[in-house]
């Protein structure tokens, strides 16, 4: 039952060759996976050229230069290896593959940014160049670098305008508060003038009764009213540049009304100085003038109430608003994304490992079929059963050794974190046994043609097992055969036990599917061996197909 083992032990070269073949999966995985274990951690070695031609501009009296601001930002950014150069040098280096992207900031970048609220506003035309023919993934990273710069410039422009608008709103709020205080002061002044007007009316009555002393007092009091109106008019004129556009007309009419009151009050003043005791007609005219002034003051008071109401309504719009630079920052960049991953991934190589492992083990099985004479003559075995058991045990031992070496390399060499190590080893062992059993059956019947078919099976599974890109991105043919190929199950199951999640193709279904493949292949292998012992011609044909002519 151990004929194949005895044969190997008698031939040291064959023994060494078989041991070497068992290390092929580990060697393949080490070299291939090691080259791509963590490429994104080395992005800082990729050179991205930034060609800054921005000439700067002026906005709201302040100098702005988006290109210089970007250079300062990138000086502290170590995501890529940023290099500042001219367009000629950058284009030449990109063509040679020395750099992986060129980002050009145009000369009019800041100028266009300053005119975004004008009639001739236009987009800033940034330019991103890559060389996908030299290295496609490198060009993808170069494009992502350019997009990151575009987002940074856009954010800078948004921050400039947002801070300006928020600052203007804050100024409007402050001006309205100052205007409200001034209008309230003027209203108090009008109230005092009305009180003075009433005192003047009482004085005119006394003057009519012949009190000379009252005439001088009235003249002094009336002059104070006139002075108060002049002060008020100066306040109104001082507010002309602070009020909203819709209130400018009201303020102008208000100023004209005060001018009329001043003129009327000066007429009253002249009348007081001219009239004497007992002059009833003069005092009557002065009383009429005083009444007109009272009506004018009351109109002013009503107008002030209306203006105060409008300003207060305007200020209510600012209630609850915080107009600070911090708020401007939130407006320009309002979204904070929280990214949650359902699996814990340490690096790119860890996600790629299941596919590389599955391929390497299949390659090891093909190498086994090439090196070891699967179609040894039947006279080396007592019967079909001993032939089957001997070769099956040899396959099992090869699978255990090759998967064991690979597991040790992954666990201690790459320090691959595996959520379920035992289940991971079981899946790799079943996958190796399934691949080896299928290949042995093909070679046992078809010889070298069977080896060719095994290679074709590997190629089909490489393209249809979703080892690199999602299967939905593949063609219809590959999506159709994906659910039926064993490597699809093996790759998915390894991902599940490494990262601890459950996919559509579950680990349990993978174990069942691979076990069925192994069982069917062994049954077929038994049948093939029985045919070889029963029909000599059948064995001769299989051995002839396995022969290599030199």
Protein backbone atom coordinates (compact mmCIF):
# COMPACT_ATOMS: atom_id res chain seq x y z
CA UNK A 1 0.00 0.00 0.00
CA UNK A 2 3.00 2.31 0.35
CA UNK A 3 4.62 1.49 -2.96
CA UNK A 4 4.94 5.13 -4.01
CA UNK A 5 6.63 6.09 -0.75
CA UNK A 6 9.10 3.22 -1.11
CA UNK A 7 9.82 4.32 -4.67
CA UNK A 8 10.54 7.88 -3.56
CA UNK A 9 12.78 6.80 -0.67
CA UNK A 10 14.87 4.65 -3.05
CA UNK A 11 15.58 7.70 -5.23
CA UNK A 12 17.13 10.58 -3.24
CA UNK A 13 16.90 12.99 -6.19
CA UNK A 14 13.18 12.31 -6.51
CA UNK A 15 12.74 12.74 -2.75
CA UNK A 16 14.51 16.11 -2.82
CA UNK A 17 12.47 17.12 -5.86
CA UNK A 18 9.20 16.23 -4.11
CA UNK A 19 10.21 18.20 -1.03
CA UNK A 20 11.16 21.14 -3.23
CA UNK A 21 7.77 21.01 -4.97
CA UNK A 22 6.07 21.15 -1.57
CA UNK A 23 7.72 24.53 -1.00
CA UNK A 24 6.51 26.04 -4.30
CA UNK A 25 3.29 27.51 -2.81
CA UNK A 26 5.27 29.15 0.01
CA UNK A 27 7.92 30.50 -2.39
CA UNK A 28 5.32 31.82 -4.84
CA UNK A 29 3.30 33.45 -2.06
CA UNK A 30 6.37 34.97 -0.43
CA UNK A 31 7.67 36.54 -3.65
CA UNK A 32 4.35 37.64 -5.14
CA UNK A 33 2.60 38.73 -1.96
CA UNK A 34 5.75 40.33 -0.58
CA UNK A 35 5.98 42.60 -3.62
CA UNK A 36 2.52 44.05 -2.97
CA UNK A 37 2.17 43.63 0.80
CA UNK A 38 1.64 47.32 1.58
CA UNK A 39 2.05 49.53 -1.53
CA UNK A 40 -0.20 52.30 -0.19
CA UNK A 41 2.12 52.76 2.76
CA UNK A 42 4.84 53.71 0.26
CA UNK A 43 2.90 56.35 -1.65
CA UNK A 44 5.27 58.94 -0.23
CA UNK A 45 7.85 57.56 -2.66
CA UNK A 46 5.71 58.41 -5.69
CA UNK A 47 6.76 61.76 -7.18
CA UNK A 48 3.92 64.11 -8.14
CA UNK A 49 4.98 67.33 -9.86
CA UNK A 50 3.10 70.55 -9.11
CA UNK A 51 3.50 73.29 -11.71
CA UNK A 52 2.43 76.54 -10.06
CA UNK A 53 1.97 79.34 -12.59
CA UNK A 54 -0.49 81.36 -10.50
CA UNK A 55 0.25 85.10 -10.68
CA UNK A 56 -1.97 86.04 -7.74
CA UNK A 57 -4.71 88.66 -7.54
CA UNK A 58 -6.51 91.04 -5.19
CA UNK A 59 -9.85 90.51 -3.48
CA UNK A 60 -11.57 93.05 -1.20
CA UNK A 61 -8.31 94.97 -0.97
CA UNK A 62 -6.30 91.92 0.11
CA UNK A 63 -3.69 90.00 -1.88
CA UNK A 64 -4.54 86.35 -2.60
CA UNK A 65 -2.44 83.65 -4.28
CA UNK A 66 -3.96 80.19 -4.41
CA UNK A 67 -0.78 78.65 -5.83
CA UNK A 68 1.41 79.87 -2.99
CA UNK A 69 -1.19 78.77 -0.43
CA UNK A 70 -1.21 75.32 -2.02
CA UNK A 71 2.57 75.05 -1.89
CA UNK A 72 2.49 75.86 1.83
CA UNK A 73 -0.18 73.17 2.39
CA UNK A 74 1.75 70.52 0.45
CA UNK A 75 4.96 71.31 2.32
CA UNK A 76 3.40 69.63 5.37
CA UNK A 77 1.73 66.84 3.38
CA UNK A 78 3.67 63.56 3.20
CA UNK A 79 1.05 61.48 1.39
CA UNK A 80 3.05 61.79 -1.85
CA UNK A 81 6.51 63.04 -2.74
CA UNK A 82 5.54 66.50 -3.98
CA UNK A 83 7.93 68.30 -6.30
CA UNK A 84 7.55 71.85 -7.62
CA UNK A 85 8.85 72.32 -11.16
CA UNK A 86 8.10 73.94 -14.51
CA UNK A 87 5.85 72.39 -17.15
CA UNK A 88 8.65 71.42 -19.53
CA UNK A 89 10.59 69.44 -16.93
CA UNK A 90 7.43 67.84 -15.52
CA UNK A 91 6.17 66.68 -18.94
CA UNK A 92 9.55 65.20 -19.83
CA UNK A 93 9.86 63.29 -16.54
CA UNK A 94 6.27 62.03 -16.81
CA UNK A 95 6.97 60.60 -20.25
CA UNK A 96 10.04 58.76 -18.92
CA UNK A 97 8.09 57.30 -16.00
CA UNK A 98 10.17 59.11 -13.37
CA UNK A 99 7.07 60.78 -11.94
CA UNK A 100 3.46 59.58 -11.78
CA UNK A 101 1.44 62.74 -12.17
CA UNK A 102 1.56 66.45 -13.05
CA UNK A 103 -0.83 69.01 -11.58
CA UNK A 104 -0.82 72.45 -13.18
CA UNK A 105 -2.16 75.55 -11.41
CA UNK A 106 -2.93 78.12 -14.17
CA UNK A 107 -1.65 81.70 -14.13
CA UNK A 108 -5.17 83.15 -13.74
CA UNK A 109 -6.25 80.85 -10.87
CA UNK A 110 -6.35 83.58 -8.21
CA UNK A 111 -7.74 86.15 -10.67
CA UNK A 112 -10.68 83.91 -11.55
CA UNK A 113 -11.19 83.07 -7.88
CA UNK A 114 -11.51 86.79 -7.10
CA UNK A 115 -14.17 87.27 -9.80
CA UNK A 116 -16.54 84.44 -8.95
CA UNK A 117 -19.32 86.89 -7.95
CA UNK A 118 -18.93 89.06 -11.05
CA UNK A 119 -20.72 88.86 -14.40
CA UNK A 120 -17.65 87.43 -16.17
CA UNK A 121 -17.09 84.64 -13.61
CA UNK A 122 -15.47 81.47 -14.98
CA UNK A 123 -14.17 78.13 -13.68
CA UNK A 124 -10.51 77.74 -12.76
CA UNK A 125 -9.07 75.32 -15.30
CA UNK A 126 -6.63 73.03 -13.49
CA UNK A 127 -4.78 70.39 -15.49
CA UNK A 128 -3.88 66.84 -14.34
CA UNK A 129 -1.56 64.68 -16.47
CA UNK A 130 -0.71 61.01 -15.92
CA UNK A 131 1.01 58.24 -17.88
CA UNK A 132 -1.17 55.09 -17.60
CA UNK A 133 0.86 53.39 -20.34
CA UNK A 134 3.91 53.28 -18.07
CA UNK A 135 2.06 52.10 -14.96
CA UNK A 136 -1.72 52.10 -14.75
CA UNK A 137 -2.04 51.87 -10.97
CA UNK A 138 0.63 54.54 -10.60
CA UNK A 139 -1.40 56.81 -12.88
CA UNK A 140 -4.51 56.10 -10.79
CA UNK A 141 -2.61 57.25 -7.70
CA UNK A 142 -1.41 60.30 -9.65
CA UNK A 143 -4.99 61.14 -10.58
CA UNK A 144 -6.07 60.78 -6.94
CA UNK A 145 -3.28 63.17 -5.96
CA UNK A 146 -4.52 65.69 -8.54
CA UNK A 147 -8.08 65.33 -7.32
CA UNK A 148 -6.91 65.91 -3.75
CA UNK A 149 -5.23 69.15 -4.87
CA UNK A 150 -8.38 70.20 -6.73
CA UNK A 151 -10.42 69.64 -3.57
CA UNK A 152 -7.88 71.59 -1.50
CA UNK A 153 -7.98 74.57 -3.90
CA UNK A 154 -11.80 74.46 -4.02
CA UNK A 155 -11.94 74.42 -0.23
CA UNK A 156 -9.54 77.37 -0.02
CA UNK A 157 -11.72 79.41 -2.39
CA UNK A 158 -14.86 78.47 -0.52
CA UNK A 159 -13.25 79.47 2.78
CA UNK A 160 -12.21 82.87 1.36
CA UNK A 161 -15.72 83.70 0.16
CA UNK A 162 -17.45 82.25 3.19
CA UNK A 163 -15.28 84.20 5.62
CA UNK A 164 -15.88 87.37 3.59
CA UNK A 165 -19.66 86.89 3.48
CA UNK A 166 -19.89 85.96 7.15
CA UNK A 167 -17.71 88.98 7.99
CA UNK A 168 -19.99 91.25 5.98
CA UNK A 169 -23.06 89.85 7.72
CA UNK A 170 -21.40 90.47 11.06
CA UNK A 171 -20.69 94.08 10.03
CA UNK A 172 -24.32 94.53 8.95
CA UNK A 173 -25.48 93.24 12.32
CA UNK A 174 -23.11 95.57 14.19
CA UNK A 175 -24.16 98.57 12.05
CA UNK A 176 -27.83 97.84 12.63
CA UNK A 177 -27.26 97.64 16.37
CA UNK A 178 -25.46 100.99 16.28
CA UNK A 179 -28.26 102.44 14.14
CA UNK A 180 -30.88 101.21 16.59
CA UNK A 181 -29.03 102.86 19.49
CA UNK A 182 -28.79 106.12 17.52
CA UNK A 183 -32.47 106.07 16.59
CA UNK A 184 -33.45 105.42 20.21
CA UNK A 185 -31.27 108.36 21.28
CA UNK A 186 -32.98 110.54 18.67
CA UNK A 187 -36.39 109.42 19.88
CA UNK A 188 -35.41 110.46 23.41
CA UNK A 189 -34.29 113.79 22.00
CA UNK A 190 -37.61 114.30 20.23
CA UNK A 191 -39.38 113.55 23.52
CA UNK A 192 -37.32 116.23 25.21
CA UNK A 193 -38.13 118.65 22.39
CA UNK A 194 -41.83 117.93 22.79
CA UNK A 195 -41.53 118.68 26.49
CA UNK A 196 -39.77 121.91 25.61
CA UNK A 197 -42.50 122.71 23.12
CA UNK A 198 -45.13 122.41 25.82
CA UNK A 199 -43.10 124.69 28.07
CA UNK A 200 -42.92 127.19 25.21
CA UNK A 201 -46.68 127.10 24.80
CA UNK A 202 -47.15 127.84 28.50
CA UNK A 203 -44.65 130.69 28.24
CA UNK A 204 -46.50 132.23 25.35
CA UNK A 205 -49.64 132.31 27.48
CA UNK A 206 -47.73 134.11 30.24
CA UNK A 207 -46.26 136.49 27.68
CA UNK A 208 -49.73 137.41 26.53
CA UNK A 209 -50.61 138.42 30.10
CA UNK A 210 -47.75 140.97 30.14
CA UNK A 211 -44.91 139.29 31.96
CA UNK A 212 -41.74 140.77 30.43
CA UNK A 213 -39.56 138.31 32.25
CA UNK A 214 -41.33 135.48 30.41
CA UNK A 215 -40.28 136.81 27.02
CA UNK A 216 -36.60 136.38 27.77
CA UNK A 217 -37.14 132.91 29.23
CA UNK A 218 -39.12 131.86 26.15
CA UNK A 219 -36.39 133.14 23.87
CA UNK A 220 -33.79 131.08 25.75
CA UNK A 221 -35.97 127.96 25.81
CA UNK A 222 -36.84 128.23 22.15
CA UNK A 223 -33.17 128.61 21.24
CA UNK A 224 -32.44 125.37 23.09
CA UNK A 225 -35.12 123.63 21.01
CA UNK A 226 -33.51 124.95 17.84
CA UNK A 227 -30.08 123.79 18.98
CA UNK A 228 -31.53 120.36 19.80
CA UNK A 229 -33.02 120.08 16.31
CA UNK A 230 -29.67 121.00 14.75
CA UNK A 231 -27.90 118.33 16.82
CA UNK A 232 -30.50 115.80 15.80
CA UNK A 233 -30.09 116.71 12.12
CA UNK A 234 -26.34 116.14 12.38
CA UNK A 235 -27.01 112.68 13.85
CA UNK A 236 -29.38 111.86 11.00
CA UNK A 237 -26.85 112.94 8.40
CA UNK A 238 -24.18 110.88 10.17
CA UNK A 239 -26.38 107.77 9.82
CA UNK A 240 -26.87 108.18 6.08
CA UNK A 241 -24.04 105.76 5.25
CA UNK A 242 -25.07 103.11 7.78
CA UNK A 243 -28.74 102.43 7.06
CA UNK A 244 -29.94 99.78 4.57
CA UNK A 245 -30.79 100.97 1.06
CA UNK A 246 -34.54 100.71 1.64
CA UNK A 247 -34.29 103.11 4.63
CA UNK A 248 -32.12 105.72 2.93
CA UNK A 249 -35.16 107.54 1.46
CA UNK A 250 -36.88 107.62 4.84
CA UNK A 251 -33.79 109.07 6.47
CA UNK A 252 -33.51 111.75 3.76
CA UNK A 253 -37.15 112.80 4.29
CA UNK A 254 -36.54 112.77 8.01
CA UNK A 255 -33.62 115.16 7.60
CA UNK A 256 -35.69 117.50 5.41
CA UNK A 257 -38.47 117.54 8.02
CA UNK A 258 -35.98 118.54 10.72
CA UNK A 259 -34.72 121.36 8.46
CA UNK A 260 -38.26 122.63 8.14
CA UNK A 261 -38.74 122.47 11.91
CA UNK A 262 -35.50 124.41 12.44
CA UNK A 263 -36.68 127.09 9.99
CA UNK A 264 -40.08 127.30 11.69
CA UNK A 265 -38.52 127.45 15.13
CA UNK A 266 -36.21 130.26 14.04
CA UNK A 267 -39.29 132.21 12.89
CA UNK A 268 -40.82 131.63 16.33
CA UNK A 269 -37.59 132.88 17.90
CA UNK A 270 -37.75 136.10 15.85
CA UNK A 271 -41.37 136.59 16.87
CA UNK A 272 -40.59 136.20 20.58
CA UNK A 273 -37.91 138.83 20.38
CA UNK A 274 -40.22 141.30 18.59
CA UNK A 275 -43.41 141.04 20.60
CA UNK A 276 -43.97 142.82 23.93
CA UNK A 277 -46.32 142.61 26.86
CA UNK A 278 -49.98 142.73 26.04
CA UNK A 279 -49.47 142.23 22.34
CA UNK A 280 -52.16 139.64 21.83
CA UNK A 281 -51.91 139.36 18.06
CA UNK A 282 -48.19 138.60 18.18
CA UNK A 283 -48.49 135.98 20.84
CA UNK A 284 -51.35 134.33 19.01
CA UNK A 285 -49.22 133.99 15.88
CA UNK A 286 -46.37 132.59 17.95
CA UNK A 287 -48.71 130.08 19.53
CA UNK A 288 -49.84 128.93 16.07
CA UNK A 289 -46.21 128.52 15.01
CA UNK A 290 -45.46 126.59 18.15
CA UNK A 291 -48.39 124.28 17.52
CA UNK A 292 -47.12 123.60 13.99
CA UNK A 293 -43.71 122.76 15.42
CA UNK A 294 -45.35 120.40 17.88
CA UNK A 295 -47.13 118.63 15.04
CA UNK A 296 -43.82 118.38 13.17
CA UNK A 297 -42.09 116.93 16.21
CA UNK A 298 -44.88 114.40 16.63
CA UNK A 299 -44.48 113.40 12.98
CA UNK A 300 -40.74 113.00 13.60
CA UNK A 301 -41.48 110.87 16.63
CA UNK A 302 -43.84 108.69 14.59
CA UNK A 303 -41.23 108.38 11.82
CA UNK A 304 -38.60 107.35 14.32
CA UNK A 305 -40.94 104.68 15.71
CA UNK A 306 -41.38 103.29 12.18
CA UNK A 307 -37.63 103.27 11.49
CA UNK A 308 -36.86 101.69 14.85
CA UNK A 309 -39.41 98.95 14.12
CA UNK A 310 -37.80 98.21 10.74
CA UNK A 311 -34.31 98.02 12.24
CA UNK A 312 -35.53 95.76 15.05
CA UNK A 313 -37.21 93.48 12.49
CA UNK A 314 -33.94 93.32 10.58
CA UNK A 315 -31.99 92.45 13.72
CA UNK A 316 -34.41 89.62 14.51
CA UNK A 317 -33.10 87.86 11.37
CA UNK A 318 -29.70 87.62 13.11
CA UNK A 319 -31.12 86.12 16.32
CA UNK A 320 -29.42 82.82 17.08
CA UNK A 321 -26.74 83.30 14.40
CA UNK A 322 -23.08 83.03 15.36
CA UNK A 323 -21.09 84.99 12.77
CA UNK A 324 -17.52 83.97 13.62
CA UNK A 325 -14.54 82.64 11.64
CA UNK A 326 -15.17 79.23 13.19
CA UNK A 327 -18.73 79.22 11.84
CA UNK A 328 -17.39 80.29 8.45
CA UNK A 329 -15.13 77.24 8.51
CA UNK A 330 -18.09 74.95 9.25
CA UNK A 331 -20.07 76.46 6.34
CA UNK A 332 -17.22 76.03 3.84
CA UNK A 333 -16.56 72.44 4.97
CA UNK A 334 -19.79 71.30 6.64
CA UNK A 335 -19.49 67.51 6.39
CA UNK A 336 -17.44 65.24 8.62
CA UNK A 337 -17.50 61.67 7.32
CA UNK A 338 -17.28 58.77 9.74
CA UNK A 339 -16.03 55.69 7.91
CA UNK A 340 -16.73 52.34 9.51
CA UNK A 341 -15.26 49.07 8.25
CA UNK A 342 -17.01 45.82 9.15
CA UNK A 343 -13.67 44.01 8.90
CA UNK A 344 -10.29 44.99 10.30
CA UNK A 345 -7.81 45.35 7.42
CA UNK A 346 -4.19 46.15 8.18
CA UNK A 347 -2.87 46.56 4.62
CA UNK A 348 -3.47 45.84 0.94
CA UNK A 349 -1.52 42.57 0.93
CA UNK A 350 -3.74 41.10 3.61
CA UNK A 351 -6.81 41.47 1.37
CA UNK A 352 -4.96 40.04 -1.63
CA UNK A 353 -3.51 37.06 0.27
CA UNK A 354 -6.42 34.59 -0.18
CA UNK A 355 -6.22 34.86 -3.97
CA UNK A 356 -2.41 34.46 -4.03
CA UNK A 357 -2.62 31.50 -1.63
CA UNK A 358 -5.23 29.71 -3.74
CA UNK A 359 -3.21 30.23 -6.95
CA UNK A 360 0.07 29.14 -5.37
CA UNK A 361 -1.41 25.91 -4.02
CA UNK A 362 -2.93 25.08 -7.41
CA UNK A 363 0.43 25.75 -9.08
CA UNK A 364 2.06 23.43 -6.58
CA UNK A 365 -0.40 20.70 -7.54
CA UNK A 366 0.41 21.15 -11.24
CA UNK A 367 4.11 20.94 -10.43
CA UNK A 368 3.44 17.70 -8.52
CA UNK A 369 1.76 16.20 -11.61
CA UNK A 370 4.68 17.24 -13.80
CA UNK A 371 7.41 15.81 -11.58
CA UNK A 372 5.91 12.66 -10.12
CA UNK A 373 5.04 9.77 -12.50
CA UNK A 374 1.35 9.45 -11.82
CA UNK A 375 0.99 6.83 -14.56
CA UNK A 376 3.53 4.36 -13.16
CA UNK A 377 3.10 0.88 -14.54
CA UNK A 378 0.58 -1.30 -12.78
CA UNK A 379 3.10 -4.12 -12.10
CA UNK A 380 4.54 -1.84 -9.36
CA UNK A 381 1.32 -2.43 -7.42
CA UNK A 382 -0.39 -5.57 -6.21
CA UNK A 383 -3.84 -4.49 -7.43
CA UNK A 384 -6.01 -1.47 -8.24
CA UNK A 385 -6.84 -0.85 -4.60
CA UNK A 386 -3.23 -0.71 -3.43
CA UNK A 387 -2.44 1.59 -6.35
CA UNK A 388 -5.30 3.90 -5.37
CA UNK A 389 -4.47 3.92 -1.66
CA UNK A 390 -0.73 4.45 -2.25
CA UNK A 391 -1.18 7.39 -4.60
CA UNK A 392 -4.00 8.90 -2.50
CA UNK A 393 -1.83 8.78 0.63
CA UNK A 394 1.00 10.41 -1.32
CA UNK A 395 -1.36 13.21 -2.37
CA UNK A 396 -2.49 13.70 1.22
CA UNK A 397 1.08 13.86 2.53
CA UNK A 398 2.05 16.35 -0.19
CA UNK A 399 -1.01 18.50 0.64
CA UNK A 400 -0.28 18.44 4.39
CA UNK A 401 3.39 19.36 3.93
CA UNK A 402 2.85 22.11 1.34
CA UNK A 403 -0.04 23.75 3.22
CA UNK A 404 1.84 23.41 6.52
CA UNK A 405 4.92 25.20 5.15
CA UNK A 406 2.72 27.89 3.61
CA UNK A 407 0.80 28.38 6.87
CA UNK A 408 4.03 28.86 8.83
CA UNK A 409 5.33 31.39 6.31
CA UNK A 410 2.07 33.39 6.47
CA UNK A 411 1.77 33.22 10.25
CA UNK A 412 5.36 33.93 11.24
CA UNK A 413 6.92 35.39 8.11
CA UNK A 414 4.22 37.84 7.08
CA UNK A 415 2.65 37.91 10.56
CA UNK A 416 -0.73 37.62 8.88
CA UNK A 417 -3.53 38.08 11.39
CA UNK A 418 -6.01 35.20 11.00
CA UNK A 419 -9.25 35.27 12.97
CA UNK A 420 -9.73 31.48 12.77
CA UNK A 421 -6.32 29.80 12.20
CA UNK A 422 -7.62 26.22 12.48
CA UNK A 423 -10.41 26.75 9.98
CA UNK A 424 -8.00 28.61 7.69
CA UNK A 425 -5.63 25.64 7.58
CA UNK A 426 -8.52 23.23 7.00
CA UNK A 427 -9.72 25.23 3.98
CA UNK A 428 -6.24 25.43 2.46
CA UNK A 429 -5.78 21.69 2.98
CA UNK A 430 -9.16 20.84 1.40
CA UNK A 431 -8.48 23.20 -1.49
CA UNK A 432 -5.08 21.57 -2.13
CA UNK A 433 -6.54 18.06 -1.94
CA UNK A 434 -9.40 19.00 -4.28
CA UNK A 435 -7.05 20.60 -6.83
CA UNK A 436 -4.57 17.74 -6.61
CA UNK A 437 -7.30 15.07 -6.91
CA UNK A 438 -8.78 16.70 -10.03
CA UNK A 439 -5.35 17.11 -11.66
CA UNK A 440 -4.34 13.51 -10.84
CA UNK A 441 -7.55 12.20 -12.42
CA UNK A 442 -6.97 14.30 -15.56
CA UNK A 443 -3.36 13.13 -15.86
CA UNK A 444 -4.25 9.50 -15.07
CA UNK A 445 -6.61 9.45 -18.05
CA UNK A 446 -5.16 11.98 -20.49
CA UNK A 447 -1.50 12.20 -19.55
CA UNK A 448 0.12 15.42 -20.80
CA UNK A 449 -3.20 16.58 -22.22
CA UNK A 450 -4.58 16.38 -18.70
CA UNK A 451 -1.79 18.69 -17.51
CA UNK A 452 -2.74 21.14 -20.25
CA UNK A 453 -6.40 21.02 -19.15
CA UNK A 454 -5.29 21.66 -15.57
CA UNK A 455 -3.47 24.81 -16.69
CA UNK A 456 -6.59 25.95 -18.58
CA UNK A 457 -8.65 25.37 -15.40
CA UNK A 458 -6.19 27.52 -13.49
CA UNK A 459 -6.46 30.33 -16.05
CA UNK A 460 -10.27 30.21 -15.95
CA UNK A 461 -10.26 30.39 -12.18
CA UNK A 462 -7.75 33.24 -12.16
CA UNK A 463 -10.20 35.35 -14.14
CA UNK A 464 -13.43 34.20 -12.50
CA UNK A 465 -12.77 33.83 -8.76
CA UNK A 466 -13.05 37.56 -7.89
CA UNK A 467 -9.58 37.45 -6.43
CA UNK A 468 -8.66 40.98 -7.46
CA UNK A 469 -11.64 43.04 -8.65
CA UNK A 470 -15.30 42.45 -7.72
CA UNK A 471 -16.84 39.79 -9.96
CA UNK A 472 -19.49 42.33 -11.04
CA UNK A 473 -16.76 44.20 -12.95
CA UNK A 474 -15.89 41.11 -15.02
CA UNK A 475 -17.53 40.04 -18.30
CA UNK A 476 -20.73 38.00 -18.49
CA UNK A 477 -18.84 34.74 -19.11
CA UNK A 478 -16.79 35.09 -15.94
CA UNK A 479 -19.79 36.11 -13.85
CA UNK A 480 -21.65 33.03 -15.15
CA UNK A 481 -18.97 30.47 -14.27
CA UNK A 482 -17.90 32.19 -11.01
CA UNK A 483 -20.36 30.33 -8.72
CA UNK A 484 -19.28 26.93 -10.08
CA UNK A 485 -15.49 27.15 -9.86
CA UNK A 486 -13.93 25.76 -6.66
CA UNK A 487 -11.36 28.56 -6.42
CA UNK A 488 -14.22 31.06 -6.01
CA UNK A 489 -15.29 29.18 -2.89
CA UNK A 490 -11.76 28.75 -1.59
CA UNK A 491 -10.84 32.44 -1.95
CA UNK A 492 -14.08 33.62 -0.32
CA UNK A 493 -13.79 31.12 2.53
CA UNK A 494 -10.21 32.16 3.27
CA UNK A 495 -11.31 35.78 3.41
CA UNK A 496 -14.07 34.85 5.83
CA UNK A 497 -11.82 33.04 8.28
CA UNK A 498 -9.06 35.68 8.02
CA UNK A 499 -11.32 38.70 8.56
CA UNK A 500 -14.15 37.00 10.48
CA UNK A 501 -17.28 37.69 8.41
CA UNK A 502 -19.80 35.64 6.46
CA UNK A 503 -20.12 36.09 2.69
CA UNK A 504 -22.59 34.78 0.11
CA UNK A 505 -20.38 31.73 -0.46
CA UNK A 506 -20.12 30.66 3.18
CA UNK A 507 -17.28 28.71 4.76
CA UNK A 508 -19.56 25.75 5.40
CA UNK A 509 -20.67 25.59 1.78
CA UNK A 510 -17.00 25.76 0.74
CA UNK A 511 -16.09 22.81 2.94
CA UNK A 512 -19.01 20.82 1.56
CA UNK A 513 -18.24 21.69 -2.07
CA UNK A 514 -14.53 20.87 -1.82
CA UNK A 515 -15.28 17.63 0.04
CA UNK A 516 -17.65 16.57 -2.74
CA UNK A 517 -15.01 17.34 -5.38
CA UNK A 518 -12.44 15.25 -3.48
CA UNK A 519 -14.85 12.35 -3.04
CA UNK A 520 -15.92 12.32 -6.71
CA UNK A 521 -12.31 12.58 -7.89
CA UNK A 522 -11.23 9.63 -5.71
CA UNK A 523 -14.14 7.53 -7.00
CA UNK A 524 -13.10 8.35 -10.57
CA UNK A 525 -9.48 7.57 -9.70
CA UNK A 526 -10.52 4.15 -8.36
CA UNK A 527 -12.44 3.47 -11.55
CA UNK A 528 -9.46 4.49 -13.71
CA UNK A 529 -7.11 2.21 -11.78
CA UNK A 530 -9.55 -0.70 -12.07
CA UNK A 531 -9.68 -0.16 -15.83
CA UNK A 532 -5.89 -0.14 -16.02
CA UNK A 533 -5.67 -3.50 -14.26
CA UNK A 534 -8.47 -4.99 -16.32
CA UNK A 535 -7.52 -3.63 -19.74
CA UNK A 536 -3.83 -3.54 -20.67
CA UNK A 537 -4.51 -1.45 -23.74
CA UNK A 538 -6.10 1.27 -21.59
CA UNK A 539 -2.97 1.47 -19.46
CA UNK A 540 -0.74 1.53 -22.55
CA UNK A 541 -2.67 4.48 -24.00
CA UNK A 542 -2.50 6.50 -20.76
CA UNK A 543 1.23 5.80 -20.42
CA UNK A 544 1.82 6.77 -24.03
CA UNK A 545 0.00 10.07 -23.51
CA UNK A 546 2.20 10.75 -20.47
CA UNK A 547 5.46 10.13 -22.34
CA UNK A 548 7.77 13.08 -23.05
CA UNK A 549 9.86 12.77 -26.21
CA UNK A 550 13.28 14.46 -26.35
